Amino acid sequence: MNKFGILLGFLVLVVALLAAPIPLIVALQNPPRSVVIYPNLLFAVPLILLGALLLLYGATAGEN
């Protein structure tokens, strides 16, 4: 086990999951309605994948 890889993967996952659910409300004109989009998902999804890969690396890498 590589403790640095696990710690770094965990930190990246925490940052990605905290940044993901920030909504942006957009008001459309015709017909009038409000739409909620999550633009931070474009940033958070690659970070979630990176964090998962770092966790897997930390769990499978051997100490040399």
PDB file of N, CA and C in Angstrom:
ATOM      1  N   MET A   1       0.837  -1.188   0.000  1.00  0.00           N
ATOM      2  CA  MET A   1       0.000   0.000   0.000  1.00  0.00           C
ATOM      3  C   MET A   1       0.877   1.245   0.000  1.00  0.00           C
ATOM      4  N   ASN A   2       0.474   2.217  -0.746  1.00  0.00           N
ATOM      5  CA  ASN A   2       1.165   3.489  -0.820  1.00  0.00           C
ATOM      6  C   ASN A   2       0.286   4.531  -0.126  1.00  0.00           C
ATOM      7  N   LYS A   3       0.675   4.924   1.085  1.00  0.00           N
ATOM      8  CA  LYS A   3      -0.162   5.821   1.882  1.00  0.00           C
ATOM      9  C   LYS A   3      -0.282   7.209   1.265  1.00  0.00           C
ATOM     10  N   PHE A   4       0.749   7.669   0.562  1.00  0.00           N
ATOM     11  CA  PHE A   4       0.691   8.981  -0.085  1.00  0.00           C
ATOM     12  C   PHE A   4      -0.345   8.987  -1.210  1.00  0.00           C
ATOM     13  N   GLY A   5      -0.392   7.921  -2.001  1.00  0.00           N
ATOM     14  CA  GLY A   5      -1.375   7.824  -3.079  1.00  0.00           C
ATOM     15  C   GLY A   5      -2.799   7.783  -2.551  1.00  0.00           C
ATOM     16  N   ILE A   6      -3.002   7.055  -1.461  1.00  0.00           N
ATOM     17  CA  ILE A   6      -4.333   6.974  -0.863  1.00  0.00           C
ATOM     18  C   ILE A   6      -4.742   8.328  -0.291  1.00  0.00           C
ATOM     19  N   LEU A   7      -3.837   8.992   0.409  1.00  0.00           N
ATOM     20  CA  LEU A   7      -4.141  10.303   0.996  1.00  0.00           C
ATOM     21  C   LEU A   7      -4.429  11.334  -0.092  1.00  0.00           C
ATOM     22  N   LEU A   8      -3.617  11.360  -1.124  1.00  0.00           N
ATOM     23  CA  LEU A   8      -3.826  12.310  -2.221  1.00  0.00           C
ATOM     24  C   LEU A   8      -5.132  12.022  -2.964  1.00  0.00           C
ATOM     25  N   GLY A   9      -5.435  10.760  -3.205  1.00  0.00           N
ATOM     26  CA  GLY A   9      -6.690  10.392  -3.851  1.00  0.00           C
ATOM     27  C   GLY A   9      -7.891  10.787  -3.019  1.00  0.00           C
ATOM     28  N   PHE A  10      -7.809  10.583  -1.703  1.00  0.00           N
ATOM     29  CA  PHE A  10      -8.900  10.962  -0.820  1.00  0.00           C
ATOM     30  C   PHE A  10      -9.103  12.478  -0.824  1.00  0.00           C
ATOM     31  N   LEU A  11      -8.025  13.246  -0.783  1.00  0.00           N
ATOM     32  CA  LEU A  11      -8.140  14.704  -0.795  1.00  0.00           C
ATOM     33  C   LEU A  11      -8.726  15.213  -2.111  1.00  0.00           C
ATOM     34  N   VAL A  12      -8.317  14.629  -3.228  1.00  0.00           N
ATOM     35  CA  VAL A  12      -8.852  15.040  -4.522  1.00  0.00           C
ATOM     36  C   VAL A  12     -10.345  14.725  -4.606  1.00  0.00           C
ATOM     37  N   LEU A  13     -10.754  13.563  -4.091  1.00  0.00           N
ATOM     38  CA  LEU A  13     -12.177  13.213  -4.094  1.00  0.00           C
ATOM     39  C   LEU A  13     -12.994  14.159  -3.227  1.00  0.00           C
ATOM     40  N   VAL A  14     -12.466  14.534  -2.077  1.00  0.00           N
ATOM     41  CA  VAL A  14     -13.187  15.456  -1.192  1.00  0.00           C
ATOM     42  C   VAL A  14     -13.361  16.813  -1.875  1.00  0.00           C
ATOM     43  N   VAL A  15     -12.306  17.328  -2.485  1.00  0.00           N
ATOM     44  CA  VAL A  15     -12.392  18.620  -3.169  1.00  0.00           C
ATOM     45  C   VAL A  15     -13.388  18.547  -4.330  1.00  0.00           C
ATOM     46  N   ALA A  16     -13.347  17.468  -5.089  1.00  0.00           N
ATOM     47  CA  ALA A  16     -14.255  17.330  -6.233  1.00  0.00           C
ATOM     48  C   ALA A  16     -15.708  17.221  -5.788  1.00  0.00           C
ATOM     49  N   LEU A  17     -15.969  16.472  -4.743  1.00  0.00           N
ATOM     50  CA  LEU A  17     -17.346  16.306  -4.280  1.00  0.00           C
ATOM     51  C   LEU A  17     -17.880  17.565  -3.613  1.00  0.00           C
ATOM     52  N   LEU A  18     -17.015  18.359  -3.007  1.00  0.00           N
ATOM     53  CA  LEU A  18     -17.468  19.625  -2.432  1.00  0.00           C
ATOM     54  C   LEU A  18     -17.709  20.682  -3.505  1.00  0.00           C
ATOM     55  N   ALA A  19     -16.985  20.622  -4.602  1.00  0.00           N
ATOM     56  CA  ALA A  19     -17.138  21.629  -5.655  1.00  0.00           C
ATOM     57  C   ALA A  19     -18.270  21.297  -6.626  1.00  0.00           C
ATOM     58  N   ALA A  20     -18.705  20.054  -6.678  1.00  0.00           N
ATOM     59  CA  ALA A  20     -19.672  19.626  -7.689  1.00  0.00           C
ATOM     60  C   ALA A  20     -21.066  20.222  -7.532  1.00  0.00           C
ATOM     61  N   PRO A  21     -21.658  20.290  -6.339  1.00  0.00           N
ATOM     62  CA  PRO A  21     -23.085  20.640  -6.294  1.00  0.00           C
ATOM     63  C   PRO A  21     -23.409  22.129  -6.242  1.00  0.00           C
ATOM     64  N   ILE A  22     -22.583  22.981  -6.822  1.00  0.00           N
ATOM     65  CA  ILE A  22     -22.869  24.407  -6.808  1.00  0.00           C
ATOM     66  C   ILE A  22     -23.765  24.729  -8.009  1.00  0.00           C
ATOM     67  N   PRO A  23     -25.044  25.037  -7.770  1.00  0.00           N
ATOM     68  CA  PRO A  23     -25.966  25.273  -8.891  1.00  0.00           C
ATOM     69  C   PRO A  23     -25.873  26.692  -9.442  1.00  0.00           C
ATOM     70  N   LEU A  24     -26.262  26.832 -10.684  1.00  0.00           N
ATOM     71  CA  LEU A  24     -26.372  28.130 -11.337  1.00  0.00           C
ATOM     72  C   LEU A  24     -27.779  28.211 -11.910  1.00  0.00           C
ATOM     73  N   ILE A  25     -28.551  29.168 -11.437  1.00  0.00           N
ATOM     74  CA  ILE A  25     -29.940  29.315 -11.879  1.00  0.00           C
ATOM     75  C   ILE A  25     -29.989  30.331 -13.015  1.00  0.00           C
ATOM     76  N   VAL A  26     -30.554  29.910 -14.144  1.00  0.00           N
ATOM     77  CA  VAL A  26     -30.659  30.751 -15.325  1.00  0.00           C
ATOM     78  C   VAL A  26     -32.144  30.986 -15.604  1.00  0.00           C
ATOM     79  N   ALA A  27     -32.507  32.244 -15.780  1.00  0.00           N
ATOM     80  CA  ALA A  27     -33.900  32.587 -16.095  1.00  0.00           C
ATOM     81  C   ALA A  27     -34.046  32.733 -17.601  1.00  0.00           C
ATOM     82  N   LEU A  28     -34.906  31.915 -18.194  1.00  0.00           N
ATOM     83  CA  LEU A  28     -35.172  31.988 -19.625  1.00  0.00           C
ATOM     84  C   LEU A  28     -36.367  32.900 -19.884  1.00  0.00           C
ATOM     85  N   GLN A  29     -36.394  33.529 -21.051  1.00  0.00           N
ATOM     86  CA  GLN A  29     -37.391  34.543 -21.335  1.00  0.00           C
ATOM     87  C   GLN A  29     -38.691  33.998 -21.922  1.00  0.00           C
ATOM     88  N   ASN A  30     -38.586  33.162 -22.942  1.00  0.00           N
ATOM     89  CA  ASN A  30     -39.779  32.819 -23.692  1.00  0.00           C
ATOM     90  C   ASN A  30     -39.927  31.309 -23.825  1.00  0.00           C
ATOM     91  N   PRO A  31     -40.744  30.610 -23.181  1.00  0.00           N
ATOM     92  CA  PRO A  31     -41.646  30.964 -22.080  1.00  0.00           C
ATOM     93  C   PRO A  31     -40.848  31.192 -20.791  1.00  0.00           C
ATOM     94  N   PRO A  32     -41.351  32.026 -19.907  1.00  0.00           N
ATOM     95  CA  PRO A  32     -40.605  32.345 -18.683  1.00  0.00           C
ATOM     96  C   PRO A  32     -40.511  31.139 -17.746  1.00  0.00           C
ATOM     97  N   ARG A  33     -39.276  30.763 -17.464  1.00  0.00           N
ATOM     98  CA  ARG A  33     -39.029  29.653 -16.525  1.00  0.00           C
ATOM     99  C   ARG A  33     -37.597  29.758 -16.030  1.00  0.00           C
ATOM    100  N   SER A  34     -37.324  29.091 -14.936  1.00  0.00           N
ATOM    101  CA  SER A  34     -35.977  29.034 -14.369  1.00  0.00           C
ATOM    102  C   SER A  34     -35.392  27.649 -14.607  1.00  0.00           C
ATOM    103  N   VAL A  35     -34.132  27.625 -15.004  1.00  0.00           N
ATOM    104  CA  VAL A  35     -33.431  26.368 -15.270  1.00  0.00           C
ATOM    105  C   VAL A  35     -32.199  26.337 -14.383  1.00  0.00           C
ATOM    106  N   VAL A  36     -31.952  25.194 -13.761  1.00  0.00           N
ATOM    107  CA  VAL A  36     -30.783  25.021 -12.899  1.00  0.00           C
ATOM    108  C   VAL A  36     -29.767  24.161 -13.629  1.00  0.00           C
ATOM    109  N   ILE A  37     -28.542  24.689 -13.775  1.00  0.00           N
ATOM    110  CA  ILE A  37     -27.458  23.912 -14.375  1.00  0.00           C
ATOM    111  C   ILE A  37     -26.322  23.826 -13.361  1.00  0.00           C
ATOM    112  N   TYR A  38     -25.473  22.843 -13.538  1.00  0.00           N
ATOM    113  CA  TYR A  38     -24.342  22.616 -12.647  1.00  0.00           C
ATOM    114  C   TYR A  38     -23.041  22.696 -13.451  1.00  0.00           C
ATOM    115  N   PRO A  39     -22.518  23.906 -13.667  1.00  0.00           N
ATOM    116  CA  PRO A  39     -21.324  24.030 -14.506  1.00  0.00           C
ATOM    117  C   PRO A  39     -20.069  23.471 -13.852  1.00  0.00           C
ATOM    118  N   ASN A  40     -20.059  23.326 -12.545  1.00  0.00           N
ATOM    119  CA  ASN A  40     -18.869  22.804 -11.872  1.00  0.00           C
ATOM    120  C   ASN A  40     -18.674  21.318 -12.122  1.00  0.00           C
ATOM    121  N   LEU A  41     -19.687  20.640 -12.649  1.00  0.00           N
ATOM    122  CA  LEU A  41     -19.511  19.226 -12.960  1.00  0.00           C
ATOM    123  C   LEU A  41     -18.476  19.018 -14.051  1.00  0.00           C
ATOM    124  N   LEU A  42     -18.314  20.009 -14.935  1.00  0.00           N
ATOM    125  CA  LEU A  42     -17.270  19.906 -15.956  1.00  0.00           C
ATOM    126  C   LEU A  42     -15.885  19.876 -15.333  1.00  0.00           C
ATOM    127  N   PHE A  43     -15.746  20.455 -14.149  1.00  0.00           N
ATOM    128  CA  PHE A  43     -14.492  20.446 -13.411  1.00  0.00           C
ATOM    129  C   PHE A  43     -14.423  19.258 -12.464  1.00  0.00           C
ATOM    130  N   ALA A  44     -15.562  18.875 -11.875  1.00  0.00           N
ATOM    131  CA  ALA A  44     -15.563  17.869 -10.818  1.00  0.00           C
ATOM    132  C   ALA A  44     -15.466  16.442 -11.348  1.00  0.00           C
ATOM    133  N   VAL A  45     -16.073  16.147 -12.477  1.00  0.00           N
ATOM    134  CA  VAL A  45     -16.067  14.763 -12.986  1.00  0.00           C
ATOM    135  C   VAL A  45     -14.645  14.277 -13.291  1.00  0.00           C
ATOM    136  N   PRO A  46     -13.805  15.038 -13.986  1.00  0.00           N
ATOM    137  CA  PRO A  46     -12.422  14.564 -14.172  1.00  0.00           C
ATOM    138  C   PRO A  46     -11.663  14.442 -12.853  1.00  0.00           C
ATOM    139  N   LEU A  47     -11.958  15.314 -11.885  1.00  0.00           N
ATOM    140  CA  LEU A  47     -11.295  15.195 -10.587  1.00  0.00           C
ATOM    141  C   LEU A  47     -11.742  13.948  -9.842  1.00  0.00           C
ATOM    142  N   ILE A  48     -13.004  13.576  -9.967  1.00  0.00           N
ATOM    143  CA  ILE A  48     -13.485  12.348  -9.334  1.00  0.00           C
ATOM    144  C   ILE A  48     -12.784  11.137  -9.946  1.00  0.00           C
ATOM    145  N   LEU A  49     -12.646  11.137 -11.263  1.00  0.00           N
ATOM    146  CA  LEU A  49     -11.929  10.042 -11.921  1.00  0.00           C
ATOM    147  C   LEU A  49     -10.461   9.998 -11.510  1.00  0.00           C
ATOM    148  N   LEU A  50      -9.823  11.153 -11.414  1.00  0.00           N
ATOM    149  CA  LEU A  50      -8.435  11.206 -10.981  1.00  0.00           C
ATOM    150  C   LEU A  50      -8.291  10.716  -9.551  1.00  0.00           C
ATOM    151  N   GLY A  51      -9.198  11.126  -8.678  1.00  0.00           N
ATOM    152  CA  GLY A  51      -9.149  10.670  -7.288  1.00  0.00           C
ATOM    153  C   GLY A  51      -9.333   9.169  -7.179  1.00  0.00           C
ATOM    154  N   ALA A  52     -10.235   8.607  -7.979  1.00  0.00           N
ATOM    155  CA  ALA A  52     -10.433   7.156  -7.953  1.00  0.00           C
ATOM    156  C   ALA A  52      -9.181   6.422  -8.438  1.00  0.00           C
ATOM    157  N   LEU A  53      -8.551   6.950  -9.486  1.00  0.00           N
ATOM    158  CA  LEU A  53      -7.312   6.331  -9.967  1.00  0.00           C
ATOM    159  C   LEU A  53      -6.193   6.423  -8.934  1.00  0.00           C
ATOM    160  N   LEU A  54      -6.091   7.548  -8.244  1.00  0.00           N
ATOM    161  CA  LEU A  54      -5.073   7.677  -7.204  1.00  0.00           C
ATOM    162  C   LEU A  54      -5.337   6.724  -6.040  1.00  0.00           C
ATOM    163  N   LEU A  55      -6.601   6.555  -5.677  1.00  0.00           N
ATOM    164  CA  LEU A  55      -6.923   5.593  -4.620  1.00  0.00           C
ATOM    165  C   LEU A  55      -6.571   4.170  -5.041  1.00  0.00           C
ATOM    166  N   LEU A  56      -6.883   3.816  -6.279  1.00  0.00           N
ATOM    167  CA  LEU A  56      -6.526   2.483  -6.762  1.00  0.00           C
ATOM    168  C   LEU A  56      -5.013   2.296  -6.819  1.00  0.00           C
ATOM    169  N   TYR A  57      -4.303   3.313  -7.252  1.00  0.00           N
ATOM    170  CA  TYR A  57      -2.843   3.234  -7.282  1.00  0.00           C
ATOM    171  C   TYR A  57      -2.285   3.067  -5.869  1.00  0.00           C
ATOM    172  N   GLY A  58      -2.817   3.861  -4.930  1.00  0.00           N
ATOM    173  CA  GLY A  58      -2.333   3.743  -3.554  1.00  0.00           C
ATOM    174  C   GLY A  58      -2.619   2.399  -2.929  1.00  0.00           C
ATOM    175  N   ALA A  59      -3.727   1.789  -3.323  1.00  0.00           N
ATOM    176  CA  ALA A  59      -4.082   0.486  -2.750  1.00  0.00           C
ATOM    177  C   ALA A  59      -3.287  -0.652  -3.369  1.00  0.00           C
ATOM    178  N   THR A  60      -2.863  -0.513  -4.622  1.00  0.00           N
ATOM    179  CA  THR A  60      -2.192  -1.630  -5.303  1.00  0.00           C
ATOM    180  C   THR A  60      -0.678  -1.479  -5.400  1.00  0.00           C
ATOM    181  N   ALA A  61      -0.147  -0.273  -5.229  1.00  0.00           N
ATOM    182  CA  ALA A  61       1.297  -0.074  -5.371  1.00  0.00           C
ATOM    183  C   ALA A  61       2.021  -0.673  -4.169  1.00  0.00           C
ATOM    184  N   GLY A  62       3.109  -1.342  -4.450  1.00  0.00           N
ATOM    185  CA  GLY A  62       3.905  -1.953  -3.386  1.00  0.00           C
ATOM    186  C   GLY A  62       4.962  -0.988  -2.867  1.00  0.00           C
ATOM    187  N   GLU A  63       5.332  -1.149  -1.615  1.00  0.00           N
ATOM    188  CA  GLU A  63       6.395  -0.330  -1.026  1.00  0.00           C
ATOM    189  C   GLU A  63       7.742  -0.903  -1.483  1.00  0.00           C
ATOM    190  N   ASN A  64       8.616  -0.024  -1.981  1.00  0.00           N
ATOM    191  CA  ASN A  64       9.939  -0.450  -2.433  1.00  0.00           C
ATOM    192  C   ASN A  64      10.992   0.028  -1.473  1.00  0.00           C
TER     193      ASN A  64
END
